[in-house]
Amino acid sequence: MKYWREPLDLKDIRVPRGEIHVLVERCKGCGWCVEFCPRDVLEVSDEINSKGYHPPRVVRQEACVSCGLCELLCPEFSIYVVETEGEVTLL
């Protein structure tokens, strides 16, 4: 994110990094996690699970900020985020 001026507490801001895990066989391919991800980390894959749906795949793991929105929106509980070491750079 580009600021028009540098915030005074910029050095104190810590943005966590997340690692997304998708349970492919549980997914029903609704696409809500892909549609509403604020950082465009996910996309619909060409792969088909045993139910015949296209689950999401992670394309930009380094951009994940561990917000957990994908977890909250998933009706099948097939996606979860684990906070990892390190930080995402916003600038």
C-alpha atoms as a PDB file:
ATOM      1  CA  MET A   1       0.000   0.000   0.000  1.00  0.00           C
ATOM      2  CA  LYS A   2       1.356   3.393  -0.955  1.00  0.00           C
ATOM      3  CA  TYR A   3       0.794   6.237   1.493  1.00  0.00           C
ATOM      4  CA  TRP A   4       0.790   9.876   0.437  1.00  0.00           C
ATOM      5  CA  ARG A   5       2.860  10.531   3.519  1.00  0.00           C
ATOM      6  CA  GLU A   6       4.705   8.207   5.848  1.00  0.00           C
ATOM      7  CA  PRO A   7       2.821   7.456   9.097  1.00  0.00           C
ATOM      8  CA  LEU A   8       4.708   8.274  12.295  1.00  0.00           C
ATOM      9  CA  ASP A   9       4.320   4.722  13.598  1.00  0.00           C
ATOM     10  CA  LEU A  10       5.256   2.915  10.373  1.00  0.00           C
ATOM     11  CA  LYS A  11       8.161   1.093  12.009  1.00  0.00           C
ATOM     12  CA  ASP A  12       5.793  -0.267  14.706  1.00  0.00           C
ATOM     13  CA  ILE A  13       3.228  -1.709  12.288  1.00  0.00           C
ATOM     14  CA  ARG A  14       3.433  -5.490  12.074  1.00  0.00           C
ATOM     15  CA  VAL A  15       1.497  -7.252   9.315  1.00  0.00           C
ATOM     16  CA  PRO A  16       1.395 -11.018   9.867  1.00  0.00           C
ATOM     17  CA  ARG A  17       2.031 -13.579   7.155  1.00  0.00           C
ATOM     18  CA  GLY A  18      -0.373 -16.453   6.640  1.00  0.00           C
ATOM     19  CA  GLU A  19      -0.224 -19.891   5.076  1.00  0.00           C
ATOM     20  CA  ILE A  20      -3.452 -21.070   3.436  1.00  0.00           C
ATOM     21  CA  HIS A  21      -4.482 -24.726   3.499  1.00  0.00           C
ATOM     22  CA  VAL A  22      -7.310 -26.042   1.309  1.00  0.00           C
ATOM     23  CA  LEU A  23      -9.040 -29.346   2.016  1.00  0.00           C
ATOM     24  CA  VAL A  24      -9.700 -30.187  -1.627  1.00  0.00           C
ATOM     25  CA  GLU A  25     -12.109 -33.084  -1.090  1.00  0.00           C
ATOM     26  CA  ARG A  26     -14.326 -31.050   1.238  1.00  0.00           C
ATOM     27  CA  CYS A  27     -14.645 -28.058  -1.137  1.00  0.00           C
ATOM     28  CA  LYS A  28     -17.853 -27.592  -3.151  1.00  0.00           C
ATOM     29  CA  GLY A  29     -16.409 -24.964  -5.488  1.00  0.00           C
ATOM     30  CA  CYS A  30     -18.587 -21.995  -4.509  1.00  0.00           C
ATOM     31  CA  GLY A  31     -15.705 -19.551  -5.140  1.00  0.00           C
ATOM     32  CA  TRP A  32     -16.489 -17.207  -2.259  1.00  0.00           C
ATOM     33  CA  CYS A  33     -12.940 -17.428  -0.923  1.00  0.00           C
ATOM     34  CA  VAL A  34     -11.580 -16.474  -4.349  1.00  0.00           C
ATOM     35  CA  GLU A  35     -14.075 -13.658  -4.908  1.00  0.00           C
ATOM     36  CA  PHE A  36     -13.708 -11.923  -1.551  1.00  0.00           C
ATOM     37  CA  CYS A  37      -9.988 -12.340  -0.810  1.00  0.00           C
ATOM     38  CA  PRO A  38      -8.714  -8.767  -0.311  1.00  0.00           C
ATOM     39  CA  ARG A  39      -5.196  -9.608  -1.533  1.00  0.00           C
ATOM     40  CA  ASP A  40      -6.091 -11.909  -4.500  1.00  0.00           C
ATOM     41  CA  VAL A  41      -4.212 -14.844  -3.023  1.00  0.00           C
ATOM     42  CA  LEU A  42      -6.536 -17.538  -4.405  1.00  0.00           C
ATOM     43  CA  GLU A  43      -7.863 -18.539  -7.813  1.00  0.00           C
ATOM     44  CA  VAL A  44     -10.137 -21.310  -9.070  1.00  0.00           C
ATOM     45  CA  SER A  45      -8.069 -24.267 -10.214  1.00  0.00           C
ATOM     46  CA  ASP A  46      -8.488 -26.530 -13.229  1.00  0.00           C
ATOM     47  CA  GLU A  47      -8.293 -29.545 -10.919  1.00  0.00           C
ATOM     48  CA  ILE A  48     -11.517 -31.448 -10.123  1.00  0.00           C
ATOM     49  CA  ASN A  49     -12.160 -33.120  -6.760  1.00  0.00           C
ATOM     50  CA  SER A  50     -14.134 -36.351  -6.259  1.00  0.00           C
ATOM     51  CA  LYS A  51     -17.417 -34.414  -6.010  1.00  0.00           C
ATOM     52  CA  GLY A  52     -16.831 -32.829  -9.424  1.00  0.00           C
ATOM     53  CA  TYR A  53     -16.062 -29.289  -8.213  1.00  0.00           C
ATOM     54  CA  HIS A  54     -13.120 -26.989  -8.931  1.00  0.00           C
ATOM     55  CA  PRO A  55     -11.474 -26.119  -5.595  1.00  0.00           C
ATOM     56  CA  PRO A  56      -9.363 -22.978  -5.146  1.00  0.00           C
ATOM     57  CA  ARG A  57      -5.577 -22.979  -5.324  1.00  0.00           C
ATOM     58  CA  VAL A  58      -3.085 -20.620  -3.762  1.00  0.00           C
ATOM     59  CA  VAL A  59      -1.296 -18.456  -6.343  1.00  0.00           C
ATOM     60  CA  ARG A  60       0.220 -15.645  -4.242  1.00  0.00           C
ATOM     61  CA  GLN A  61       1.111 -17.171  -0.859  1.00  0.00           C
ATOM     62  CA  GLU A  62       3.503 -14.323  -0.074  1.00  0.00           C
ATOM     63  CA  ALA A  63       0.636 -11.790  -0.232  1.00  0.00           C
ATOM     64  CA  CYS A  64      -1.507 -13.481   2.449  1.00  0.00           C
ATOM     65  CA  VAL A  65      -1.914 -11.314   5.568  1.00  0.00           C
ATOM     66  CA  SER A  66      -3.703 -13.985   7.621  1.00  0.00           C
ATOM     67  CA  CYS A  67      -6.970 -12.027   7.751  1.00  0.00           C
ATOM     68  CA  GLY A  68      -9.044 -15.224   7.911  1.00  0.00           C
ATOM     69  CA  LEU A  69     -11.819 -13.941   5.645  1.00  0.00           C
ATOM     70  CA  CYS A  70     -11.636 -17.063   3.484  1.00  0.00           C
ATOM     71  CA  GLU A  71     -12.168 -19.193   6.601  1.00  0.00           C
ATOM     72  CA  LEU A  72     -15.181 -17.195   7.682  1.00  0.00           C
ATOM     73  CA  LEU A  73     -16.859 -17.282   4.272  1.00  0.00           C
ATOM     74  CA  CYS A  74     -16.362 -20.974   3.482  1.00  0.00           C
ATOM     75  CA  PRO A  75     -19.677 -22.813   4.021  1.00  0.00           C
ATOM     76  CA  GLU A  76     -17.959 -26.232   4.010  1.00  0.00           C
ATOM     77  CA  PHE A  77     -15.041 -25.321   6.343  1.00  0.00           C
ATOM     78  CA  SER A  78     -12.630 -26.515   3.666  1.00  0.00           C
ATOM     79  CA  ILE A  79     -10.068 -23.730   3.962  1.00  0.00           C
ATOM     80  CA  TYR A  80      -8.039 -22.469   6.896  1.00  0.00           C
ATOM     81  CA  VAL A  81      -5.158 -20.081   7.507  1.00  0.00           C
ATOM     82  CA  VAL A  82      -2.188 -20.615   9.802  1.00  0.00           C
ATOM     83  CA  GLU A  83      -0.170 -17.580  10.845  1.00  0.00           C
ATOM     84  CA  THR A  84       3.514 -18.104  10.086  1.00  0.00           C
ATOM     85  CA  GLU A  85       6.747 -16.353  10.983  1.00  0.00           C
ATOM     86  CA  GLY A  86       7.671 -13.261   9.040  1.00  0.00           C
ATOM     87  CA  GLU A  87       5.866 -10.176   7.889  1.00  0.00           C
ATOM     88  CA  VAL A  88       4.292  -8.933   4.687  1.00  0.00           C
ATOM     89  CA  THR A  89       5.662  -5.646   3.387  1.00  0.00           C
ATOM     90  CA  LEU A  90       2.959  -3.123   2.622  1.00  0.00           C
ATOM     91  CA  LEU A  91       5.041  -0.573   0.759  1.00  0.00           C
END
